[in-house]
Amino acid sequence: MAHAKVHSYMQLRAWLQYAACGVVLLLCGCGGKSVPATPDASALAGNWLIAGPMPTNGLATSTGFRLALTFDVNGSNVSAAGFGNDSCSNVESSFGFGSLASGTVAADGSFTLQTPSGFPEGTMSIQGTIPKANGNSWPGSYTASFSSPLTPLTCDTNLAGTFTATSFPLVSGVYVGTGSSEAIVNGALVTIPITFQVTLQQGGTVTNPVNGAPAPYSSNAVLVGSIRVQGSPCFTSGATSATTPQSAVEGNMVSANFTMDDGSTLTILGSLTDPSETRIATTVAVLHSGQCGGAFPTIYQLPELDRQS
């Protein structure tokens, strides 16, 4: 019995020594080599201005490469939707992609994003290092190759450069703007003012584009919201829906599709003009079907939406 107690004591002492070494290992290494954990990539989730000033979906006079990205993070896997401008010979064109660029964060915090090889507008690669905390800037470089002309026409181009990415907030707020529509009244063409109040929230549930079934996760690239309209003879309100083309944010590009109360679909396209998100610069609101849509889309001129809250 005494021998058994000694053996048990020796086992307990050995276990305590092992456990103590484990604690010291966490604190100072205990003579061994610790394996660094992969940095937390969640600080990368959100909107980032990558290169140049904010891209625009309207005419611009400046030259150079512009790019903004919206990141999603799942563990060490990252994906990004983006919108940008390319210019050549004083002609500017735009390009965009929805959550197509993807990559993985390495143990040292570096990552590479790559668009699919079959992307019709060309290929783009982003190399970067995840930020140390939410909102912190991070360094990186890009390469882009456009193998076919964009719209409007621009020359084929290969681009490369470095950047320091800066964060801008997720879209969340109420935006108001006044547009106009033309109609025939008493035989004369008149301009009718129409006021739009749009409530938007970035970060909705991903849905199946075929049947609208929700996926078990959300995405910063998904936009949800509602709209109220004054001045239209056909509709007064609407909301984003999984059964219509899903609304999205790609970098700083906002694409909101609303199912209106007359059964029509109203699409508002615009771009955030600066990191404060005080304004969405828009060119048009496009109406499909419904009482006012008819066989062809109806175009409303909508210069901008200004943030109210």
C-alpha atoms as a PDB file:
ATOM      1  CA  MET A   1       0.000   0.000   0.000  1.00  0.00           C
ATOM      2  CA  ALA A   2       2.881   2.357   0.846  1.00  0.00           C
ATOM      3  CA  HIS A   3       4.415   1.699  -2.562  1.00  0.00           C
ATOM      4  CA  ALA A   4       1.114   2.521  -4.239  1.00  0.00           C
ATOM      5  CA  LYS A   5       0.902   5.831  -2.337  1.00  0.00           C
ATOM      6  CA  VAL A   6       4.432   6.757  -3.372  1.00  0.00           C
ATOM      7  CA  HIS A   7       3.638   5.942  -6.990  1.00  0.00           C
ATOM      8  CA  SER A   8       0.437   8.013  -6.830  1.00  0.00           C
ATOM      9  CA  TYR A   9       2.327  10.896  -5.219  1.00  0.00           C
ATOM     10  CA  MET A  10       4.980  10.786  -7.924  1.00  0.00           C
ATOM     11  CA  GLN A  11       2.258  10.867 -10.625  1.00  0.00           C
ATOM     12  CA  LEU A  12       0.569  13.837  -8.968  1.00  0.00           C
ATOM     13  CA  ARG A  13       3.885  15.668  -8.626  1.00  0.00           C
ATOM     14  CA  ALA A  14       4.700  15.031 -12.272  1.00  0.00           C
ATOM     15  CA  TRP A  15       1.249  16.256 -13.337  1.00  0.00           C
ATOM     16  CA  LEU A  16       1.615  19.421 -11.246  1.00  0.00           C
ATOM     17  CA  GLN A  17       5.036  20.056 -12.760  1.00  0.00           C
ATOM     18  CA  TYR A  18       3.544  19.579 -16.261  1.00  0.00           C
ATOM     19  CA  ALA A  19       0.618  21.862 -15.501  1.00  0.00           C
ATOM     20  CA  ALA A  20       2.917  24.498 -14.032  1.00  0.00           C
ATOM     21  CA  CYS A  21       5.083  24.352 -17.122  1.00  0.00           C
ATOM     22  CA  GLY A  22       1.917  24.761 -19.206  1.00  0.00           C
ATOM     23  CA  VAL A  23       1.027  27.939 -17.317  1.00  0.00           C
ATOM     24  CA  VAL A  24       4.556  29.265 -17.642  1.00  0.00           C
ATOM     25  CA  LEU A  25       4.502  28.303 -21.324  1.00  0.00           C
ATOM     26  CA  LEU A  26       1.525  30.593 -21.822  1.00  0.00           C
ATOM     27  CA  LEU A  27       3.271  33.388 -19.955  1.00  0.00           C
ATOM     28  CA  CYS A  28       6.891  33.103 -21.037  1.00  0.00           C
ATOM     29  CA  GLY A  29       7.369  30.024 -23.193  1.00  0.00           C
ATOM     30  CA  CYS A  30       8.669  27.561 -20.591  1.00  0.00           C
ATOM     31  CA  GLY A  31      11.682  26.922 -22.752  1.00  0.00           C
ATOM     32  CA  GLY A  32       9.595  25.892 -25.786  1.00  0.00           C
ATOM     33  CA  LYS A  33       8.424  27.678 -28.929  1.00  0.00           C
ATOM     34  CA  SER A  34       4.909  29.125 -28.927  1.00  0.00           C
ATOM     35  CA  VAL A  35       2.868  29.142 -32.141  1.00  0.00           C
ATOM     36  CA  PRO A  36       1.323  32.586 -32.799  1.00  0.00           C
ATOM     37  CA  ALA A  37      -2.404  32.581 -33.397  1.00  0.00           C
ATOM     38  CA  THR A  38      -3.743  33.970 -36.651  1.00  0.00           C
ATOM     39  CA  PRO A  39      -4.700  37.621 -36.005  1.00  0.00           C
ATOM     40  CA  ASP A  40      -8.383  38.407 -35.646  1.00  0.00           C
ATOM     41  CA  ALA A  41      -9.589  39.374 -39.125  1.00  0.00           C
ATOM     42  CA  SER A  42     -12.925  40.786 -37.936  1.00  0.00           C
ATOM     43  CA  ALA A  43     -11.494  44.331 -37.904  1.00  0.00           C
ATOM     44  CA  LEU A  44     -11.360  44.079 -41.697  1.00  0.00           C
ATOM     45  CA  ALA A  45     -15.157  43.777 -42.003  1.00  0.00           C
ATOM     46  CA  GLY A  46     -16.816  46.933 -43.312  1.00  0.00           C
ATOM     47  CA  ASN A  47     -16.330  49.632 -45.952  1.00  0.00           C
ATOM     48  CA  TRP A  48     -12.898  50.794 -47.087  1.00  0.00           C
ATOM     49  CA  LEU A  49     -11.627  53.462 -49.447  1.00  0.00           C
ATOM     50  CA  ILE A  50      -8.689  51.759 -51.126  1.00  0.00           C
ATOM     51  CA  ALA A  51      -7.327  54.112 -53.769  1.00  0.00           C
ATOM     52  CA  GLY A  52      -7.937  57.699 -54.825  1.00  0.00           C
ATOM     53  CA  PRO A  53     -10.958  59.792 -53.847  1.00  0.00           C
ATOM     54  CA  MET A  54     -14.369  58.144 -53.650  1.00  0.00           C
ATOM     55  CA  PRO A  55     -15.360  56.495 -56.952  1.00  0.00           C
ATOM     56  CA  THR A  56     -18.352  57.940 -58.758  1.00  0.00           C
ATOM     57  CA  ASN A  57     -21.088  56.532 -60.967  1.00  0.00           C
ATOM     58  CA  GLY A  58     -21.454  59.871 -62.739  1.00  0.00           C
ATOM     59  CA  LEU A  59     -19.227  61.881 -65.029  1.00  0.00           C
ATOM     60  CA  ALA A  60     -15.939  62.951 -63.488  1.00  0.00           C
ATOM     61  CA  THR A  61     -13.092  65.102 -64.738  1.00  0.00           C
ATOM     62  CA  SER A  62     -10.281  63.745 -62.563  1.00  0.00           C
ATOM     63  CA  THR A  63      -7.916  61.073 -63.779  1.00  0.00           C
ATOM     64  CA  GLY A  64      -6.421  58.112 -61.978  1.00  0.00           C
ATOM     65  CA  PHE A  65      -7.556  54.887 -60.375  1.00  0.00           C
ATOM     66  CA  ARG A  66     -10.311  54.874 -57.740  1.00  0.00           C
ATOM     67  CA  LEU A  67     -11.460  51.871 -55.733  1.00  0.00           C
ATOM     68  CA  ALA A  68     -13.683  51.220 -52.701  1.00  0.00           C
ATOM     69  CA  LEU A  69     -14.379  47.785 -51.183  1.00  0.00           C
ATOM     70  CA  THR A  70     -16.921  46.256 -48.813  1.00  0.00           C
ATOM     71  CA  PHE A  71     -15.446  43.358 -46.808  1.00  0.00           C
ATOM     72  CA  ASP A  72     -17.082  40.354 -45.179  1.00  0.00           C
ATOM     73  CA  VAL A  73     -15.129  38.123 -42.791  1.00  0.00           C
ATOM     74  CA  ASN A  74     -15.838  34.534 -41.753  1.00  0.00           C
ATOM     75  CA  GLY A  75     -13.037  33.264 -39.540  1.00  0.00           C
ATOM     76  CA  SER A  76      -9.878  33.648 -41.612  1.00  0.00           C
ATOM     77  CA  ASN A  77     -11.814  33.761 -44.897  1.00  0.00           C
ATOM     78  CA  VAL A  78     -12.497  37.167 -46.422  1.00  0.00           C
ATOM     79  CA  SER A  79     -14.511  38.322 -49.408  1.00  0.00           C
ATOM     80  CA  ALA A  80     -15.108  41.736 -50.900  1.00  0.00           C
ATOM     81  CA  ALA A  81     -17.504  43.560 -53.202  1.00  0.00           C
ATOM     82  CA  GLY A  82     -16.139  46.603 -54.959  1.00  0.00           C
ATOM     83  CA  PHE A  83     -16.711  49.595 -57.186  1.00  0.00           C
ATOM     84  CA  GLY A  84     -14.157  51.753 -58.935  1.00  0.00           C
ATOM     85  CA  ASN A  85     -13.184  54.031 -61.773  1.00  0.00           C
ATOM     86  CA  ASP A  86     -10.449  53.768 -64.371  1.00  0.00           C
ATOM     87  CA  SER A  87      -9.436  56.582 -66.669  1.00  0.00           C
ATOM     88  CA  CYS A  88      -7.386  56.921 -69.799  1.00  0.00           C
ATOM     89  CA  SER A  89      -6.995  59.843 -72.194  1.00  0.00           C
ATOM     90  CA  ASN A  90      -9.417  61.941 -70.093  1.00  0.00           C
ATOM     91  CA  VAL A  91     -12.198  59.371 -70.500  1.00  0.00           C
ATOM     92  CA  GLU A  92     -13.420  57.730 -67.301  1.00  0.00           C
ATOM     93  CA  SER A  93     -15.229  54.423 -66.977  1.00  0.00           C
ATOM     94  CA  SER A  94     -16.589  52.443 -64.051  1.00  0.00           C
ATOM     95  CA  PHE A  95     -16.459  48.824 -62.978  1.00  0.00           C
ATOM     96  CA  GLY A  96     -17.982  46.843 -60.139  1.00  0.00           C
ATOM     97  CA  PHE A  97     -18.201  43.355 -58.674  1.00  0.00           C
ATOM     98  CA  GLY A  98     -20.425  41.869 -55.993  1.00  0.00           C
ATOM     99  CA  SER A  99     -18.648  39.793 -53.310  1.00  0.00           C
ATOM    100  CA  LEU A 100     -16.557  38.024 -55.952  1.00  0.00           C
ATOM    101  CA  ALA A 101     -13.052  38.788 -54.689  1.00  0.00           C
ATOM    102  CA  SER A 102     -12.013  36.273 -52.021  1.00  0.00           C
ATOM    103  CA  GLY A 103      -8.980  35.160 -50.050  1.00  0.00           C
ATOM    104  CA  THR A 104      -7.635  33.880 -46.728  1.00  0.00           C
ATOM    105  CA  VAL A 105      -5.791  35.628 -43.908  1.00  0.00           C
ATOM    106  CA  ALA A 106      -2.380  34.100 -43.187  1.00  0.00           C
ATOM    107  CA  ALA A 107      -0.876  33.568 -39.719  1.00  0.00           C
ATOM    108  CA  ASP A 108       1.048  36.845 -39.965  1.00  0.00           C
ATOM    109  CA  GLY A 109      -2.116  38.851 -40.749  1.00  0.00           C
ATOM    110  CA  SER A 110      -1.439  39.287 -44.451  1.00  0.00           C
ATOM    111  CA  PHE A 111      -4.012  38.407 -47.086  1.00  0.00           C
ATOM    112  CA  THR A 112      -4.543  38.432 -50.825  1.00  0.00           C
ATOM    113  CA  LEU A 113      -7.927  38.991 -52.490  1.00  0.00           C
ATOM    114  CA  GLN A 114      -8.418  37.859 -56.066  1.00  0.00           C
ATOM    115  CA  THR A 115     -11.364  38.207 -58.451  1.00  0.00           C
ATOM    116  CA  PRO A 116     -12.286  35.036 -60.385  1.00  0.00           C
ATOM    117  CA  SER A 117     -10.225  34.291 -63.465  1.00  0.00           C
ATOM    118  CA  GLY A 118     -13.346  34.353 -65.640  1.00  0.00           C
ATOM    119  CA  PHE A 119     -14.468  37.831 -64.541  1.00  0.00           C
ATOM    120  CA  PRO A 120     -15.512  39.472 -67.839  1.00  0.00           C
ATOM    121  CA  GLU A 121     -14.197  42.968 -67.119  1.00  0.00           C
ATOM    122  CA  GLY A 122     -10.716  41.781 -66.190  1.00  0.00           C
ATOM    123  CA  THR A 123      -8.904  40.699 -63.036  1.00  0.00           C
ATOM    124  CA  MET A 124      -8.003  42.440 -59.800  1.00  0.00           C
ATOM    125  CA  SER A 125      -5.789  41.458 -56.895  1.00  0.00           C
ATOM    126  CA  ILE A 126      -5.464  43.162 -53.505  1.00  0.00           C
ATOM    127  CA  GLN A 127      -2.634  42.443 -51.071  1.00  0.00           C
ATOM    128  CA  GLY A 128      -2.927  43.805 -47.563  1.00  0.00           C
ATOM    129  CA  THR A 129      -2.457  43.387 -43.820  1.00  0.00           C
ATOM    130  CA  ILE A 130      -5.487  43.316 -41.541  1.00  0.00           C
ATOM    131  CA  PRO A 131      -5.863  46.364 -39.243  1.00  0.00           C
ATOM    132  CA  LYS A 132      -4.868  46.031 -35.600  1.00  0.00           C
ATOM    133  CA  ALA A 133      -8.245  47.382 -34.428  1.00  0.00           C
ATOM    134  CA  ASN A 134     -11.609  48.424 -35.836  1.00  0.00           C
ATOM    135  CA  GLY A 135     -11.327  51.621 -37.849  1.00  0.00           C
ATOM    136  CA  ASN A 136      -7.519  51.553 -38.092  1.00  0.00           C
ATOM    137  CA  SER A 137      -6.001  52.084 -41.524  1.00  0.00           C
ATOM    138  CA  TRP A 138      -3.975  49.306 -43.157  1.00  0.00           C
ATOM    139  CA  PRO A 139      -1.362  49.193 -45.943  1.00  0.00           C
ATOM    140  CA  GLY A 140      -1.588  47.285 -49.172  1.00  0.00           C
ATOM    141  CA  SER A 141      -1.037  47.124 -52.897  1.00  0.00           C
ATOM    142  CA  TYR A 142      -3.187  46.359 -55.917  1.00  0.00           C
ATOM    143  CA  THR A 143      -2.884  45.094 -59.460  1.00  0.00           C
ATOM    144  CA  ALA A 144      -5.659  45.379 -62.021  1.00  0.00           C
ATOM    145  CA  SER A 145      -5.877  44.295 -65.621  1.00  0.00           C
ATOM    146  CA  PHE A 146      -8.796  45.237 -67.861  1.00  0.00           C
ATOM    147  CA  SER A 147      -8.646  43.062 -70.939  1.00  0.00           C
ATOM    148  CA  SER A 148     -11.712  44.494 -72.643  1.00  0.00           C
ATOM    149  CA  PRO A 149     -13.027  48.043 -72.989  1.00  0.00           C
ATOM    150  CA  LEU A 150     -15.364  49.232 -70.280  1.00  0.00           C
ATOM    151  CA  THR A 151     -18.289  51.601 -70.708  1.00  0.00           C
ATOM    152  CA  PRO A 152     -17.789  54.311 -71.810  1.00  0.00           C
ATOM    153  CA  LEU A 153     -14.845  53.300 -73.979  1.00  0.00           C
ATOM    154  CA  THR A 154     -11.418  53.433 -72.444  1.00  0.00           C
ATOM    155  CA  CYS A 155      -8.107  51.907 -73.421  1.00  0.00           C
ATOM    156  CA  ASP A 156      -7.004  48.464 -72.304  1.00  0.00           C
ATOM    157  CA  THR A 157      -4.884  48.975 -69.210  1.00  0.00           C
ATOM    158  CA  ASN A 158      -2.747  47.266 -66.599  1.00  0.00           C
ATOM    159  CA  LEU A 159      -2.544  49.074 -63.274  1.00  0.00           C
ATOM    160  CA  ALA A 160      -0.495  48.619 -60.105  1.00  0.00           C
ATOM    161  CA  GLY A 161       0.067  50.722 -57.017  1.00  0.00           C
ATOM    162  CA  THR A 162       0.207  50.923 -53.248  1.00  0.00           C
ATOM    163  CA  PHE A 163      -2.359  52.382 -50.860  1.00  0.00           C
ATOM    164  CA  THR A 164      -3.324  53.016 -47.268  1.00  0.00           C
ATOM    165  CA  ALA A 165      -6.936  51.905 -46.793  1.00  0.00           C
ATOM    166  CA  THR A 166      -9.222  54.138 -44.731  1.00  0.00           C
ATOM    167  CA  SER A 167     -12.476  53.058 -43.121  1.00  0.00           C
ATOM    168  CA  PHE A 168     -15.882  54.619 -43.649  1.00  0.00           C
ATOM    169  CA  PRO A 169     -19.067  53.590 -41.789  1.00  0.00           C
ATOM    170  CA  LEU A 170     -21.692  51.103 -42.873  1.00  0.00           C
ATOM    171  CA  VAL A 171     -24.692  52.748 -44.489  1.00  0.00           C
ATOM    172  CA  SER A 172     -27.355  53.349 -41.835  1.00  0.00           C
ATOM    173  CA  GLY A 173     -29.764  56.247 -41.899  1.00  0.00           C
ATOM    174  CA  VAL A 174     -32.578  58.193 -43.518  1.00  0.00           C
ATOM    175  CA  TYR A 175     -31.882  59.989 -46.797  1.00  0.00           C
ATOM    176  CA  VAL A 176     -34.185  62.521 -48.493  1.00  0.00           C
ATOM    177  CA  GLY A 177     -34.120  63.959 -51.990  1.00  0.00           C
ATOM    178  CA  THR A 178     -36.389  65.519 -54.608  1.00  0.00           C
ATOM    179  CA  GLY A 179     -36.494  64.181 -58.123  1.00  0.00           C
ATOM    180  CA  SER A 180     -38.652  64.942 -61.106  1.00  0.00           C
ATOM    181  CA  SER A 181     -40.732  63.204 -63.727  1.00  0.00           C
ATOM    182  CA  GLU A 182     -42.216  64.481 -66.955  1.00  0.00           C
ATOM    183  CA  ALA A 183     -45.852  63.953 -67.909  1.00  0.00           C
ATOM    184  CA  ILE A 184     -48.401  65.244 -70.390  1.00  0.00           C
ATOM    185  CA  VAL A 185     -51.037  67.415 -68.651  1.00  0.00           C
ATOM    186  CA  ASN A 186     -53.759  69.062 -70.780  1.00  0.00           C
ATOM    187  CA  GLY A 187     -51.697  68.448 -73.870  1.00  0.00           C
ATOM    188  CA  ALA A 188     -48.548  70.067 -72.461  1.00  0.00           C
ATOM    189  CA  LEU A 189     -45.328  68.513 -71.178  1.00  0.00           C
ATOM    190  CA  VAL A 190     -44.870  69.377 -67.501  1.00  0.00           C
ATOM    191  CA  THR A 191     -42.268  68.498 -64.873  1.00  0.00           C
ATOM    192  CA  ILE A 192     -43.646  66.930 -61.696  1.00  0.00           C
ATOM    193  CA  PRO A 193     -41.524  67.079 -58.508  1.00  0.00           C
ATOM    194  CA  ILE A 194     -41.349  63.821 -56.549  1.00  0.00           C
ATOM    195  CA  THR A 195     -39.860  63.561 -53.039  1.00  0.00           C
ATOM    196  CA  PHE A 196     -38.124  60.383 -51.903  1.00  0.00           C
ATOM    197  CA  GLN A 197     -37.442  59.449 -48.274  1.00  0.00           C
ATOM    198  CA  VAL A 198     -35.237  56.368 -48.118  1.00  0.00           C
ATOM    199  CA  THR A 199     -34.300  54.414 -44.985  1.00  0.00           C
ATOM    200  CA  LEU A 200     -31.250  52.213 -45.529  1.00  0.00           C
ATOM    201  CA  GLN A 201     -29.324  49.725 -43.385  1.00  0.00           C
ATOM    202  CA  GLN A 202     -26.222  47.903 -44.578  1.00  0.00           C
ATOM    203  CA  GLY A 203     -25.693  44.326 -43.375  1.00  0.00           C
ATOM    204  CA  GLY A 204     -28.718  42.181 -44.281  1.00  0.00           C
ATOM    205  CA  THR A 205     -29.341  38.461 -44.641  1.00  0.00           C
ATOM    206  CA  VAL A 206     -28.093  36.775 -47.788  1.00  0.00           C
ATOM    207  CA  THR A 207     -30.895  35.177 -49.804  1.00  0.00           C
ATOM    208  CA  ASN A 208     -31.164  32.678 -52.623  1.00  0.00           C
ATOM    209  CA  PRO A 209     -31.596  34.755 -55.812  1.00  0.00           C
ATOM    210  CA  VAL A 210     -33.942  32.128 -57.279  1.00  0.00           C
ATOM    211  CA  ASN A 211     -36.481  31.555 -54.494  1.00  0.00           C
ATOM    212  CA  GLY A 212     -35.604  34.236 -51.929  1.00  0.00           C
ATOM    213  CA  ALA A 213     -34.837  31.696 -49.194  1.00  0.00           C
ATOM    214  CA  PRO A 214     -32.594  33.207 -46.489  1.00  0.00           C
ATOM    215  CA  ALA A 215     -29.128  31.843 -45.796  1.00  0.00           C
ATOM    216  CA  PRO A 216     -27.951  31.364 -42.186  1.00  0.00           C
ATOM    217  CA  TYR A 217     -25.638  34.370 -42.316  1.00  0.00           C
ATOM    218  CA  SER A 218     -25.637  38.084 -43.083  1.00  0.00           C
ATOM    219  CA  SER A 219     -23.379  40.152 -45.305  1.00  0.00           C
ATOM    220  CA  ASN A 220     -22.179  43.748 -45.249  1.00  0.00           C
ATOM    221  CA  ALA A 221     -22.764  43.775 -49.001  1.00  0.00           C
ATOM    222  CA  VAL A 222     -26.531  43.291 -48.509  1.00  0.00           C
ATOM    223  CA  LEU A 223     -28.690  46.408 -48.101  1.00  0.00           C
ATOM    224  CA  VAL A 224     -32.172  46.495 -46.571  1.00  0.00           C
ATOM    225  CA  GLY A 225     -34.591  49.352 -46.160  1.00  0.00           C
ATOM    226  CA  SER A 226     -37.819  51.112 -47.058  1.00  0.00           C
ATOM    227  CA  ILE A 227     -38.966  54.121 -49.065  1.00  0.00           C
ATOM    228  CA  ARG A 228     -41.746  56.694 -48.932  1.00  0.00           C
ATOM    229  CA  VAL A 229     -42.664  58.777 -51.979  1.00  0.00           C
ATOM    230  CA  GLN A 230     -44.675  61.993 -52.304  1.00  0.00           C
ATOM    231  CA  GLY A 231     -45.890  63.284 -55.656  1.00  0.00           C
ATOM    232  CA  SER A 232     -46.312  60.030 -57.548  1.00  0.00           C
ATOM    233  CA  PRO A 233     -49.836  59.220 -58.759  1.00  0.00           C
ATOM    234  CA  CYS A 234     -49.108  55.486 -58.610  1.00  0.00           C
ATOM    235  CA  PHE A 235     -47.333  54.568 -55.370  1.00  0.00           C
ATOM    236  CA  THR A 236     -46.498  55.958 -51.944  1.00  0.00           C
ATOM    237  CA  SER A 237     -44.240  53.396 -50.246  1.00  0.00           C
ATOM    238  CA  GLY A 238     -42.129  50.313 -50.719  1.00  0.00           C
ATOM    239  CA  ALA A 239     -39.498  48.068 -49.155  1.00  0.00           C
ATOM    240  CA  THR A 240     -36.545  45.943 -50.158  1.00  0.00           C
ATOM    241  CA  SER A 241     -37.451  42.323 -50.762  1.00  0.00           C
ATOM    242  CA  ALA A 242     -35.712  38.988 -51.167  1.00  0.00           C
ATOM    243  CA  THR A 243     -37.850  38.217 -54.216  1.00  0.00           C
ATOM    244  CA  THR A 244     -36.634  41.264 -56.155  1.00  0.00           C
ATOM    245  CA  PRO A 245     -32.986  41.748 -57.112  1.00  0.00           C
ATOM    246  CA  GLN A 246     -31.233  41.998 -53.758  1.00  0.00           C
ATOM    247  CA  SER A 247     -30.167  45.494 -52.762  1.00  0.00           C
ATOM    248  CA  ALA A 248     -26.453  45.884 -52.232  1.00  0.00           C
ATOM    249  CA  VAL A 249     -23.510  48.054 -51.254  1.00  0.00           C
ATOM    250  CA  GLU A 250     -20.371  47.481 -53.307  1.00  0.00           C
ATOM    251  CA  GLY A 251     -17.624  49.671 -51.900  1.00  0.00           C
ATOM    252  CA  ASN A 252     -19.274  53.094 -52.023  1.00  0.00           C
ATOM    253  CA  MET A 253     -21.884  52.177 -54.653  1.00  0.00           C
ATOM    254  CA  VAL A 254     -25.465  51.920 -53.351  1.00  0.00           C
ATOM    255  CA  SER A 255     -28.037  49.920 -55.318  1.00  0.00           C
ATOM    256  CA  ALA A 256     -31.461  49.828 -53.654  1.00  0.00           C
ATOM    257  CA  ASN A 257     -34.363  47.880 -55.192  1.00  0.00           C
ATOM    258  CA  PHE A 258     -37.797  48.494 -53.667  1.00  0.00           C
ATOM    259  CA  THR A 259     -41.036  46.604 -54.257  1.00  0.00           C
ATOM    260  CA  MET A 260     -43.637  49.384 -54.324  1.00  0.00           C
ATOM    261  CA  ASP A 261     -47.247  49.247 -53.131  1.00  0.00           C
ATOM    262  CA  ASP A 262     -48.556  49.171 -56.723  1.00  0.00           C
ATOM    263  CA  GLY A 263     -46.462  46.092 -57.567  1.00  0.00           C
ATOM    264  CA  SER A 264     -43.733  47.976 -59.420  1.00  0.00           C
ATOM    265  CA  THR A 265     -39.998  47.830 -58.736  1.00  0.00           C
ATOM    266  CA  LEU A 266     -38.164  51.106 -58.099  1.00  0.00           C
ATOM    267  CA  THR A 267     -34.360  51.035 -58.311  1.00  0.00           C
ATOM    268  CA  ILE A 268     -32.208  53.841 -56.936  1.00  0.00           C
ATOM    269  CA  LEU A 269     -28.547  53.893 -57.946  1.00  0.00           C
ATOM    270  CA  GLY A 270     -26.042  56.180 -56.280  1.00  0.00           C
ATOM    271  CA  SER A 271     -22.583  56.528 -54.828  1.00  0.00           C
ATOM    272  CA  LEU A 272     -21.423  57.767 -51.432  1.00  0.00           C
ATOM    273  CA  THR A 273     -19.437  60.921 -52.090  1.00  0.00           C
ATOM    274  CA  ASP A 274     -17.270  61.025 -48.955  1.00  0.00           C
ATOM    275  CA  PRO A 275     -16.567  58.998 -45.791  1.00  0.00           C
ATOM    276  CA  SER A 276     -19.105  61.032 -43.776  1.00  0.00           C
ATOM    277  CA  GLU A 277     -21.925  59.522 -45.882  1.00  0.00           C
ATOM    278  CA  THR A 278     -23.871  62.774 -45.694  1.00  0.00           C
ATOM    279  CA  ARG A 279     -24.922  62.446 -49.327  1.00  0.00           C
ATOM    280  CA  ILE A 280     -25.635  59.765 -51.896  1.00  0.00           C
ATOM    281  CA  ALA A 281     -25.034  61.221 -55.335  1.00  0.00           C
ATOM    282  CA  THR A 282     -27.512  59.673 -57.731  1.00  0.00           C
ATOM    283  CA  THR A 283     -28.224  60.024 -61.394  1.00  0.00           C
ATOM    284  CA  VAL A 284     -31.577  58.279 -61.798  1.00  0.00           C
ATOM    285  CA  ALA A 285     -34.309  56.287 -60.135  1.00  0.00           C
ATOM    286  CA  VAL A 286     -35.636  53.633 -62.504  1.00  0.00           C
ATOM    287  CA  LEU A 287     -39.217  52.326 -62.308  1.00  0.00           C
ATOM    288  CA  HIS A 288     -40.169  48.951 -63.782  1.00  0.00           C
ATOM    289  CA  SER A 289     -43.774  47.802 -64.465  1.00  0.00           C
ATOM    290  CA  GLY A 290     -46.615  48.856 -62.161  1.00  0.00           C
ATOM    291  CA  GLN A 291     -49.189  51.553 -62.915  1.00  0.00           C
ATOM    292  CA  CYS A 292     -46.599  54.149 -63.915  1.00  0.00           C
ATOM    293  CA  GLY A 293     -43.921  51.873 -65.336  1.00  0.00           C
ATOM    294  CA  GLY A 294     -45.715  50.586 -68.392  1.00  0.00           C
ATOM    295  CA  ALA A 295     -43.961  48.460 -71.003  1.00  0.00           C
ATOM    296  CA  PHE A 296     -40.747  50.463 -70.699  1.00  0.00           C
ATOM    297  CA  PRO A 297     -38.865  51.676 -67.608  1.00  0.00           C
ATOM    298  CA  THR A 298     -39.724  55.139 -66.341  1.00  0.00           C
ATOM    299  CA  ILE A 299     -36.761  57.338 -65.459  1.00  0.00           C
ATOM    300  CA  TYR A 300     -36.867  59.839 -62.591  1.00  0.00           C
ATOM    301  CA  GLN A 301     -34.091  62.412 -62.421  1.00  0.00           C
ATOM    302  CA  LEU A 302     -32.761  62.326 -58.853  1.00  0.00           C
ATOM    303  CA  PRO A 303     -29.647  64.463 -58.327  1.00  0.00           C
ATOM    304  CA  GLU A 304     -28.894  63.420 -54.738  1.00  0.00           C
ATOM    305  CA  LEU A 305     -30.152  62.020 -51.470  1.00  0.00           C
ATOM    306  CA  ASP A 306     -29.104  63.934 -48.331  1.00  0.00           C
ATOM    307  CA  ARG A 307     -28.789  62.210 -44.997  1.00  0.00           C
ATOM    308  CA  GLN A 308     -31.244  63.402 -42.331  1.00  0.00           C
ATOM    309  CA  SER A 309     -30.328  61.072 -39.460  1.00  0.00           C
END
